[in-house]
Amino acid sequence: MTMSPVTELAEARTAYLAAVSPFYDETLAAVIEAVASSGSIGKADIGALLFWKRLRADTPWVTTLHALPDAQVRDVTARAVSQARDVTLSLPEAALQARSTLAVLPGFRSGDPMASALLVAAAPERMAVYDRRAGHGLQILGIDVPLRHGHYGRYMAVVEHLTKQMNAAGHAWNPRTVDTALFWLGR
């Protein structure tokens, strides 16, 4: 018998909390605090998020990003931070606009894992991380979010729906809670 998405996500979240160190997100928390203070994300913050996401930093986009002045990076990310936090926009629209703004930076033109990490740092109660594991978690739930232009906005629409489902079932979840459950489900 197939479990409901609420049950599968709740079980995945419980397993995630049991298996992952409570200190794992300390780096993310430090970046969230820095972004809350500055209103933008600098190259050092991006480096910390690369470390947190356990991504490789010896790639051409990192070299190209390093060649930009931090002020230019912060100018772009400040706009994305503002858009991610804009509660006058629907969650999917805020996600889409903020993700599109980041696309001018090296390493953020395509693919959502790193960009979504920045957006979670910008609006931690509103945004969610997308990576291949979260995508696989969605597939396990029978949810298809096509990987094409505008993907992050569509992903956030699904995450918003799942968040509402979890909360209607008596859980107190936000999009980040959903993404960690999806991550664990799809690992």
C-alpha atoms as a PDB file:
ATOM      1  CA  MET A   1       0.000   0.000   0.000  1.00  0.00           C
ATOM      2  CA  THR A   2       1.347   3.420  -0.953  1.00  0.00           C
ATOM      3  CA  MET A   3       1.786   5.972   1.829  1.00  0.00           C
ATOM      4  CA  SER A   4       0.397   9.481   1.550  1.00  0.00           C
ATOM      5  CA  PRO A   5       2.868  12.288   0.810  1.00  0.00           C
ATOM      6  CA  VAL A   6       2.244  13.665   4.320  1.00  0.00           C
ATOM      7  CA  THR A   7       3.204  10.346   5.911  1.00  0.00           C
ATOM      8  CA  GLU A   8       6.232   9.860   3.659  1.00  0.00           C
ATOM      9  CA  LEU A   9       7.504  13.384   4.303  1.00  0.00           C
ATOM     10  CA  ALA A  10       6.920  13.130   8.060  1.00  0.00           C
ATOM     11  CA  GLU A  11       8.799   9.827   8.220  1.00  0.00           C
ATOM     12  CA  ALA A  12      11.630  11.190   6.068  1.00  0.00           C
ATOM     13  CA  ARG A  13      11.928  14.293   8.273  1.00  0.00           C
ATOM     14  CA  THR A  14      12.052  12.135  11.425  1.00  0.00           C
ATOM     15  CA  ALA A  15      14.786   9.981   9.868  1.00  0.00           C
ATOM     16  CA  TYR A  16      16.678  13.100   8.753  1.00  0.00           C
ATOM     17  CA  LEU A  17      16.632  14.539  12.283  1.00  0.00           C
ATOM     18  CA  ALA A  18      17.800  11.213  13.727  1.00  0.00           C
ATOM     19  CA  ALA A  19      20.687  10.839  11.279  1.00  0.00           C
ATOM     20  CA  VAL A  20      21.989  14.375  10.672  1.00  0.00           C
ATOM     21  CA  SER A  21      24.021  16.200  13.291  1.00  0.00           C
ATOM     22  CA  PRO A  22      22.149  19.079  14.928  1.00  0.00           C
ATOM     23  CA  PHE A  23      25.258  21.151  14.165  1.00  0.00           C
ATOM     24  CA  TYR A  24      25.218  20.494  10.416  1.00  0.00           C
ATOM     25  CA  ASP A  25      23.444  23.757   9.569  1.00  0.00           C
ATOM     26  CA  GLU A  26      25.725  25.985  11.676  1.00  0.00           C
ATOM     27  CA  THR A  27      27.410  27.310   8.533  1.00  0.00           C
ATOM     28  CA  LEU A  28      24.058  28.059   6.929  1.00  0.00           C
ATOM     29  CA  ALA A  29      22.914  29.800  10.130  1.00  0.00           C
ATOM     30  CA  ALA A  30      26.027  31.991  10.102  1.00  0.00           C
ATOM     31  CA  VAL A  31      25.370  33.022   6.499  1.00  0.00           C
ATOM     32  CA  ILE A  32      21.683  33.671   7.266  1.00  0.00           C
ATOM     33  CA  GLU A  33      22.780  35.961  10.100  1.00  0.00           C
ATOM     34  CA  ALA A  34      25.243  37.788   7.847  1.00  0.00           C
ATOM     35  CA  VAL A  35      22.620  38.271   5.135  1.00  0.00           C
ATOM     36  CA  ALA A  36      20.073  39.492   7.694  1.00  0.00           C
ATOM     37  CA  SER A  37      22.590  42.112   8.776  1.00  0.00           C
ATOM     38  CA  SER A  38      23.884  43.178   5.347  1.00  0.00           C
ATOM     39  CA  GLY A  39      20.910  42.556   3.066  1.00  0.00           C
ATOM     40  CA  SER A  40      23.196  40.982   0.476  1.00  0.00           C
ATOM     41  CA  ILE A  41      25.373  37.927  -0.096  1.00  0.00           C
ATOM     42  CA  GLY A  42      29.082  38.361  -0.747  1.00  0.00           C
ATOM     43  CA  LYS A  43      31.707  36.070  -2.181  1.00  0.00           C
ATOM     44  CA  ALA A  44      32.773  34.887   1.300  1.00  0.00           C
ATOM     45  CA  ASP A  45      29.137  33.957   2.029  1.00  0.00           C
ATOM     46  CA  ILE A  46      28.934  32.084  -1.260  1.00  0.00           C
ATOM     47  CA  GLY A  47      32.129  30.242  -0.325  1.00  0.00           C
ATOM     48  CA  ALA A  48      30.628  29.253   3.010  1.00  0.00           C
ATOM     49  CA  LEU A  49      27.478  28.003   1.257  1.00  0.00           C
ATOM     50  CA  LEU A  50      29.626  25.991  -1.171  1.00  0.00           C
ATOM     51  CA  PHE A  51      31.223  24.356   1.863  1.00  0.00           C
ATOM     52  CA  TRP A  52      27.814  23.775   3.492  1.00  0.00           C
ATOM     53  CA  LYS A  53      26.374  22.234   0.291  1.00  0.00           C
ATOM     54  CA  ARG A  54      29.571  20.167  -0.055  1.00  0.00           C
ATOM     55  CA  LEU A  55      30.133  21.323  -3.615  1.00  0.00           C
ATOM     56  CA  ARG A  56      33.438  21.561  -5.421  1.00  0.00           C
ATOM     57  CA  ALA A  57      35.070  24.964  -5.514  1.00  0.00           C
ATOM     58  CA  ASP A  58      37.695  24.098  -8.136  1.00  0.00           C
ATOM     59  CA  THR A  59      35.376  24.816 -11.048  1.00  0.00           C
ATOM     60  CA  PRO A  60      35.634  27.486 -13.766  1.00  0.00           C
ATOM     61  CA  TRP A  61      32.594  29.430 -12.498  1.00  0.00           C
ATOM     62  CA  VAL A  62      34.231  29.911  -9.092  1.00  0.00           C
ATOM     63  CA  THR A  63      37.312  31.397 -10.742  1.00  0.00           C
ATOM     64  CA  THR A  64      35.138  33.707 -12.834  1.00  0.00           C
ATOM     65  CA  LEU A  65      33.105  34.744  -9.781  1.00  0.00           C
ATOM     66  CA  HIS A  66      36.331  35.511  -7.878  1.00  0.00           C
ATOM     67  CA  ALA A  67      37.322  37.885 -10.684  1.00  0.00           C
ATOM     68  CA  LEU A  68      34.274  40.074  -9.977  1.00  0.00           C
ATOM     69  CA  PRO A  69      34.412  42.779  -7.328  1.00  0.00           C
ATOM     70  CA  ASP A  70      32.489  41.793  -4.196  1.00  0.00           C
ATOM     71  CA  ALA A  71      30.479  45.026  -4.508  1.00  0.00           C
ATOM     72  CA  GLN A  72      29.142  43.862  -7.876  1.00  0.00           C
ATOM     73  CA  VAL A  73      28.205  40.445  -6.447  1.00  0.00           C
ATOM     74  CA  ARG A  74      26.502  42.134  -3.488  1.00  0.00           C
ATOM     75  CA  ASP A  75      24.584  44.479  -5.803  1.00  0.00           C
ATOM     76  CA  VAL A  76      23.084  41.513  -7.659  1.00  0.00           C
ATOM     77  CA  THR A  77      22.442  39.471  -4.539  1.00  0.00           C
ATOM     78  CA  ALA A  78      20.854  42.417  -2.708  1.00  0.00           C
ATOM     79  CA  ARG A  79      18.205  42.541  -5.444  1.00  0.00           C
ATOM     80  CA  ALA A  80      17.677  38.779  -5.165  1.00  0.00           C
ATOM     81  CA  VAL A  81      17.451  38.999  -1.350  1.00  0.00           C
ATOM     82  CA  SER A  82      14.817  41.716  -1.647  1.00  0.00           C
ATOM     83  CA  GLN A  83      12.804  39.704  -4.172  1.00  0.00           C
ATOM     84  CA  ALA A  84      12.982  36.494  -2.111  1.00  0.00           C
ATOM     85  CA  ARG A  85      11.687  38.373   0.924  1.00  0.00           C
ATOM     86  CA  ASP A  86       8.958  40.279  -0.936  1.00  0.00           C
ATOM     87  CA  VAL A  87       5.718  39.085   0.669  1.00  0.00           C
ATOM     88  CA  THR A  88       3.668  41.071  -1.843  1.00  0.00           C
ATOM     89  CA  LEU A  89       4.691  38.409  -4.372  1.00  0.00           C
ATOM     90  CA  SER A  90       3.408  34.863  -4.241  1.00  0.00           C
ATOM     91  CA  LEU A  91       6.048  32.428  -3.034  1.00  0.00           C
ATOM     92  CA  PRO A  92       6.595  30.906  -6.505  1.00  0.00           C
ATOM     93  CA  GLU A  93       6.821  34.369  -8.116  1.00  0.00           C
ATOM     94  CA  ALA A  94       9.276  35.632  -5.484  1.00  0.00           C
ATOM     95  CA  ALA A  95      11.372  32.489  -6.001  1.00  0.00           C
ATOM     96  CA  LEU A  96      11.296  32.861  -9.781  1.00  0.00           C
ATOM     97  CA  GLN A  97      12.231  36.548  -9.721  1.00  0.00           C
ATOM     98  CA  ALA A  98      15.038  36.074  -7.187  1.00  0.00           C
ATOM     99  CA  ARG A  99      16.406  33.047  -9.060  1.00  0.00           C
ATOM    100  CA  SER A 100      16.302  34.967 -12.359  1.00  0.00           C
ATOM    101  CA  THR A 101      18.193  37.877 -10.792  1.00  0.00           C
ATOM    102  CA  LEU A 102      21.005  35.555  -9.699  1.00  0.00           C
ATOM    103  CA  ALA A 103      21.376  34.223 -13.264  1.00  0.00           C
ATOM    104  CA  VAL A 104      23.692  37.120 -14.225  1.00  0.00           C
ATOM    105  CA  LEU A 105      26.381  35.830 -11.856  1.00  0.00           C
ATOM    106  CA  PRO A 106      28.911  33.206 -12.935  1.00  0.00           C
ATOM    107  CA  GLY A 107      27.818  29.790 -11.704  1.00  0.00           C
ATOM    108  CA  PHE A 108      24.175  30.790 -11.388  1.00  0.00           C
ATOM    109  CA  ARG A 109      23.075  30.843 -15.028  1.00  0.00           C
ATOM    110  CA  SER A 110      21.644  27.331 -14.872  1.00  0.00           C
ATOM    111  CA  GLY A 111      20.967  24.744 -12.230  1.00  0.00           C
ATOM    112  CA  ASP A 112      19.278  25.470  -8.940  1.00  0.00           C
ATOM    113  CA  PRO A 113      21.280  23.820  -6.119  1.00  0.00           C
ATOM    114  CA  MET A 114      23.660  26.686  -5.391  1.00  0.00           C
ATOM    115  CA  ALA A 115      21.204  29.440  -6.286  1.00  0.00           C
ATOM    116  CA  SER A 116      18.569  27.920  -4.021  1.00  0.00           C
ATOM    117  CA  ALA A 117      21.097  27.752  -1.168  1.00  0.00           C
ATOM    118  CA  LEU A 118      21.637  31.497  -1.567  1.00  0.00           C
ATOM    119  CA  LEU A 119      17.904  32.106  -1.579  1.00  0.00           C
ATOM    120  CA  VAL A 120      17.438  30.062   1.590  1.00  0.00           C
ATOM    121  CA  ALA A 121      20.127  32.216   3.208  1.00  0.00           C
ATOM    122  CA  ALA A 122      18.212  35.276   1.987  1.00  0.00           C
ATOM    123  CA  ALA A 123      14.762  34.177   3.167  1.00  0.00           C
ATOM    124  CA  PRO A 124      15.110  31.101   5.411  1.00  0.00           C
ATOM    125  CA  GLU A 125      11.443  30.960   6.432  1.00  0.00           C
ATOM    126  CA  ARG A 126      10.279  31.335   2.852  1.00  0.00           C
ATOM    127  CA  MET A 127      12.623  29.542   0.441  1.00  0.00           C
ATOM    128  CA  ALA A 128      13.795  25.937   0.069  1.00  0.00           C
ATOM    129  CA  VAL A 129      16.905  24.263  -1.287  1.00  0.00           C
ATOM    130  CA  TYR A 130      16.594  22.295  -4.507  1.00  0.00           C
ATOM    131  CA  ASP A 131      19.121  19.636  -5.426  1.00  0.00           C
ATOM    132  CA  ARG A 132      19.048  16.279  -7.163  1.00  0.00           C
ATOM    133  CA  ARG A 133      18.067  14.508  -3.955  1.00  0.00           C
ATOM    134  CA  ALA A 134      15.065  16.792  -3.423  1.00  0.00           C
ATOM    135  CA  GLY A 135      14.163  16.208  -7.080  1.00  0.00           C
ATOM    136  CA  HIS A 136      14.373  12.463  -6.533  1.00  0.00           C
ATOM    137  CA  GLY A 137      12.245  12.824  -3.389  1.00  0.00           C
ATOM    138  CA  LEU A 138       9.581  14.522  -5.495  1.00  0.00           C
ATOM    139  CA  GLN A 139       9.738  11.655  -8.001  1.00  0.00           C
ATOM    140  CA  ILE A 140       9.224   9.163  -5.168  1.00  0.00           C
ATOM    141  CA  LEU A 141       6.100  11.111  -4.213  1.00  0.00           C
ATOM    142  CA  GLY A 142       4.965  10.957  -7.855  1.00  0.00           C
ATOM    143  CA  ILE A 143       5.445  14.682  -8.428  1.00  0.00           C
ATOM    144  CA  ASP A 144       7.069  15.885 -11.646  1.00  0.00           C
ATOM    145  CA  VAL A 145       8.701  19.305 -11.837  1.00  0.00           C
ATOM    146  CA  PRO A 146      10.256  19.586 -15.316  1.00  0.00           C
ATOM    147  CA  LEU A 147      13.861  20.792 -15.431  1.00  0.00           C
ATOM    148  CA  ARG A 148      13.522  23.755 -17.793  1.00  0.00           C
ATOM    149  CA  HIS A 149      13.539  27.538 -17.550  1.00  0.00           C
ATOM    150  CA  GLY A 150      11.590  28.652 -14.478  1.00  0.00           C
ATOM    151  CA  HIS A 151      12.181  25.370 -12.651  1.00  0.00           C
ATOM    152  CA  TYR A 152      12.862  26.920  -9.244  1.00  0.00           C
ATOM    153  CA  GLY A 153       9.577  28.848  -9.281  1.00  0.00           C
ATOM    154  CA  ARG A 154       7.659  25.656 -10.153  1.00  0.00           C
ATOM    155  CA  TYR A 155       9.569  23.741  -7.470  1.00  0.00           C
ATOM    156  CA  MET A 156       8.652  26.378  -4.897  1.00  0.00           C
ATOM    157  CA  ALA A 157       4.974  26.134  -5.910  1.00  0.00           C
ATOM    158  CA  VAL A 158       5.124  22.408  -5.151  1.00  0.00           C
ATOM    159  CA  VAL A 159       7.010  23.014  -1.890  1.00  0.00           C
ATOM    160  CA  GLU A 160       4.424  25.616  -0.887  1.00  0.00           C
ATOM    161  CA  HIS A 161       1.632  23.091  -1.564  1.00  0.00           C
ATOM    162  CA  LEU A 162       3.442  20.371   0.420  1.00  0.00           C
ATOM    163  CA  THR A 163       4.051  22.817   3.287  1.00  0.00           C
ATOM    164  CA  LYS A 164       0.337  23.585   3.418  1.00  0.00           C
ATOM    165  CA  GLN A 165      -0.476  19.856   3.375  1.00  0.00           C
ATOM    166  CA  MET A 166       1.932  19.179   6.234  1.00  0.00           C
ATOM    167  CA  ASN A 167       0.556  22.067   8.287  1.00  0.00           C
ATOM    168  CA  ALA A 168      -3.060  20.987   7.639  1.00  0.00           C
ATOM    169  CA  ALA A 169      -2.064  17.579   9.016  1.00  0.00           C
ATOM    170  CA  GLY A 170      -0.911  19.175  12.284  1.00  0.00           C
ATOM    171  CA  HIS A 171       2.773  19.701  11.568  1.00  0.00           C
ATOM    172  CA  ALA A 172       4.439  23.102  11.927  1.00  0.00           C
ATOM    173  CA  TRP A 173       6.565  23.121   8.781  1.00  0.00           C
ATOM    174  CA  ASN A 174       8.039  25.758   6.519  1.00  0.00           C
ATOM    175  CA  PRO A 175       9.522  25.287   3.021  1.00  0.00           C
ATOM    176  CA  ARG A 176      12.979  24.508   4.443  1.00  0.00           C
ATOM    177  CA  THR A 177      11.492  21.698   6.549  1.00  0.00           C
ATOM    178  CA  VAL A 178       9.891  20.279   3.405  1.00  0.00           C
ATOM    179  CA  ASP A 179      13.172  20.445   1.489  1.00  0.00           C
ATOM    180  CA  THR A 180      15.057  18.535   4.193  1.00  0.00           C
ATOM    181  CA  ALA A 181      12.368  15.830   4.132  1.00  0.00           C
ATOM    182  CA  LEU A 182      12.563  15.678   0.333  1.00  0.00           C
ATOM    183  CA  PHE A 183      16.375  15.570   0.546  1.00  0.00           C
ATOM    184  CA  TRP A 184      16.224  12.610   2.924  1.00  0.00           C
ATOM    185  CA  LEU A 185      13.496  10.835   0.980  1.00  0.00           C
ATOM    186  CA  GLY A 186      15.507  11.168  -2.240  1.00  0.00           C
ATOM    187  CA  ARG A 187      18.980  10.398  -0.887  1.00  0.00           C
END
